[in-house]
C-alpha atoms as a PDB file:
ATOM      1  CA  MET A   1       0.837  14.855  -9.630  1.00  0.00           C
ATOM      2  CA  GLN A   2      -0.058  14.821 -13.838  1.00  0.00           C
ATOM      3  CA  GLY A   3      -2.010  12.402 -15.514  1.00  0.00           C
ATOM      4  CA  PRO A   4      -5.210  11.026 -15.176  1.00  0.00           C
ATOM      5  CA  GLN A   5      -6.573   9.797 -11.345  1.00  0.00           C
ATOM      6  CA  CYS A   6      -6.580   6.012 -11.187  1.00  0.00           C
ATOM      7  CA  PRO A   7      -6.000   3.371  -8.533  1.00  0.00           C
ATOM      8  CA  LEU A   8      -2.201   2.979  -9.258  1.00  0.00           C
ATOM      9  CA  GLN A   9      -1.576   6.632  -8.716  1.00  0.00           C
ATOM     10  CA  THR A  10      -3.548   6.663  -5.457  1.00  0.00           C
ATOM     11  CA  ARG A  11      -1.418   3.923  -4.374  1.00  0.00           C
ATOM     12  CA  ILE A  12       1.710   5.763  -5.220  1.00  0.00           C
ATOM     13  CA  LEU A  13       0.569   8.984  -3.370  1.00  0.00           C
ATOM     14  CA  PHE A  14      -0.290   6.803  -0.485  1.00  0.00           C
ATOM     15  CA  HIS A  15       3.504   5.699  -0.219  1.00  0.00           C
ATOM     16  CA  CYS A  16       4.827   8.810  -1.079  1.00  0.00           C
ATOM     17  CA  ALA A  17       2.468  10.450   1.650  1.00  0.00           C
ATOM     18  CA  HIS A  18       4.036   7.912   4.287  1.00  0.00           C
ATOM     19  CA  LYS A  19       7.681   8.308   3.019  1.00  0.00           C
ATOM     20  CA  THR A  20       7.203  12.299   3.657  1.00  0.00           C
ATOM     21  CA  GLY A  21       5.227  12.271   6.908  1.00  0.00           C
ATOM     22  CA  GLN A  22       2.165  13.936   5.283  1.00  0.00           C
ATOM     23  CA  GLU A  23      -0.647  12.704   7.382  1.00  0.00           C
ATOM     24  CA  GLU A  24      -3.319  14.344   5.616  1.00  0.00           C
ATOM     25  CA  LYS A  25      -2.539  13.007   2.187  1.00  0.00           C
ATOM     26  CA  LEU A  26      -1.918   9.630   3.745  1.00  0.00           C
ATOM     27  CA  MET A  27      -5.415   9.468   5.140  1.00  0.00           C
ATOM     28  CA  GLU A  28      -6.907  11.300   1.951  1.00  0.00           C
ATOM     29  CA  CYS A  29      -5.369   8.385  -0.051  1.00  0.00           C
ATOM     30  CA  HIS A  30      -6.377   5.716   2.612  1.00  0.00           C
ATOM     31  CA  GLN A  31      -9.869   6.635   2.282  1.00  0.00           C
ATOM     32  CA  GLN A  32      -9.904   6.291  -1.841  1.00  0.00           C
ATOM     33  CA  LEU A  33      -8.491   2.822  -1.738  1.00  0.00           C
ATOM     34  CA  GLY A  34     -10.596   0.033  -2.618  1.00  0.00           C
ATOM     35  CA  ASP A  35     -11.142  -3.693  -2.020  1.00  0.00           C
ATOM     36  CA  SER A  36      -8.628  -4.836  -5.016  1.00  0.00           C
ATOM     37  CA  LEU A  37      -5.900  -7.015  -4.119  1.00  0.00           C
ATOM     38  CA  GLU A  38      -3.286  -4.196  -5.128  1.00  0.00           C
ATOM     39  CA  ASP A  39      -4.928  -1.817  -2.806  1.00  0.00           C
ATOM     40  CA  GLN A  40      -5.165  -4.207   0.221  1.00  0.00           C
ATOM     41  CA  LEU A  41      -1.707  -4.998  -0.212  1.00  0.00           C
ATOM     42  CA  SER A  42      -0.567  -1.243  -0.252  1.00  0.00           C
ATOM     43  CA  LEU A  43      -2.627  -0.799   2.758  1.00  0.00           C
ATOM     44  CA  ALA A  44      -0.721  -3.822   4.611  1.00  0.00           C
ATOM     45  CA  SER A  45       2.646  -2.852   3.907  1.00  0.00           C
ATOM     46  CA  ILE A  46       1.910   0.761   5.003  1.00  0.00           C
ATOM     47  CA  HIS A  47       0.418  -1.064   8.017  1.00  0.00           C
ATOM     48  CA  TYR A  48       3.914  -2.750   8.361  1.00  0.00           C
ATOM     49  CA  LEU A  49       5.954   0.181   7.905  1.00  0.00           C
ATOM     50  CA  ARG A  50       4.142   2.190  10.692  1.00  0.00           C
ATOM     51  CA  GLY A  51       4.600  -0.594  13.063  1.00  0.00           C
ATOM     52  CA  HIS A  52       1.230  -1.614  13.318  1.00  0.00           C
ATOM     53  CA  TYR A  53       1.669  -5.458  13.362  1.00  0.00           C
ATOM     54  CA  GLN A  54      -2.103  -6.496  14.541  1.00  0.00           C
ATOM     55  CA  VAL A  55      -3.436  -9.496  13.186  1.00  0.00           C
ATOM     56  CA  HIS A  56      -5.783  -7.909  10.592  1.00  0.00           C
ATOM     57  CA  ALA A  57      -2.605  -6.335   8.799  1.00  0.00           C
ATOM     58  CA  PHE A  58      -1.086  -9.630   8.798  1.00  0.00           C
ATOM     59  CA  THR A  59      -3.956 -11.496   7.566  1.00  0.00           C
ATOM     60  CA  VAL A  60      -4.826  -8.823   4.695  1.00  0.00           C
ATOM     61  CA  HIS A  61      -1.261  -9.210   3.400  1.00  0.00           C
ATOM     62  CA  HIS A  62      -0.889 -12.746   3.625  1.00  0.00           C
ATOM     63  CA  LYS A  63      -4.356 -13.985   2.575  1.00  0.00           C
ATOM     64  CA  PRO A  64      -4.151 -12.469  -0.930  1.00  0.00           C
ATOM     65  CA  ALA A  65      -0.395 -13.263  -1.464  1.00  0.00           C
ATOM     66  CA  HIS A  66      -1.185 -16.811  -1.867  1.00  0.00           C
ATOM     67  CA  LYS A  67      -3.914 -16.048  -4.822  1.00  0.00           C
ATOM     68  CA  CYS A  68      -1.528 -13.606  -6.421  1.00  0.00           C
ATOM     69  CA  LYS A  69       1.127 -14.264  -9.017  1.00  0.00           C
ATOM     70  CA  LEU A  70       4.770 -13.818  -8.261  1.00  0.00           C
ATOM     71  CA  SER A  71       5.073 -10.692 -10.042  1.00  0.00           C
ATOM     72  CA  LEU A  72       2.567  -8.834  -8.128  1.00  0.00           C
ATOM     73  CA  CYS A  73       4.277 -10.000  -4.784  1.00  0.00           C
ATOM     74  CA  LEU A  74       7.473  -8.704  -6.127  1.00  0.00           C
ATOM     75  CA  CYS A  75       6.090  -5.459  -6.890  1.00  0.00           C
ATOM     76  CA  VAL A  76       4.623  -4.876  -3.362  1.00  0.00           C
ATOM     77  CA  HIS A  77       8.005  -5.814  -1.779  1.00  0.00           C
ATOM     78  CA  VAL A  78       9.458  -3.213  -4.225  1.00  0.00           C
ATOM     79  CA  LEU A  79       7.123  -0.706  -3.150  1.00  0.00           C
ATOM     80  CA  THR A  80       7.582  -1.443   0.435  1.00  0.00           C
ATOM     81  CA  ALA A  81      11.480  -1.371  -0.080  1.00  0.00           C
ATOM     82  CA  ILE A  82      11.223   1.810  -1.728  1.00  0.00           C
ATOM     83  CA  ALA A  83       9.081   3.160   1.179  1.00  0.00           C
ATOM     84  CA  MET A  84      11.758   2.285   3.876  1.00  0.00           C
ATOM     85  CA  THR A  85      14.542   4.032   2.073  1.00  0.00           C
END
């Protein structure tokens, strides 16, 4: 991918690796995720898509969602929808 490496690029590559079944790339991107709200929501969406419904994934996804703006929630749901197609 072209451009400077940034958290958004990592999240996009994380979702693309999931979509294409590239486990090594998925784990590489997973290790690069931080504690930001966006990173944690991205991680939670991948947990959900992979069928990991444990309490931790549910808590990570719903706890920050109450604190964030509607636009961020919509972005996460759009990313999830894209990853599912």
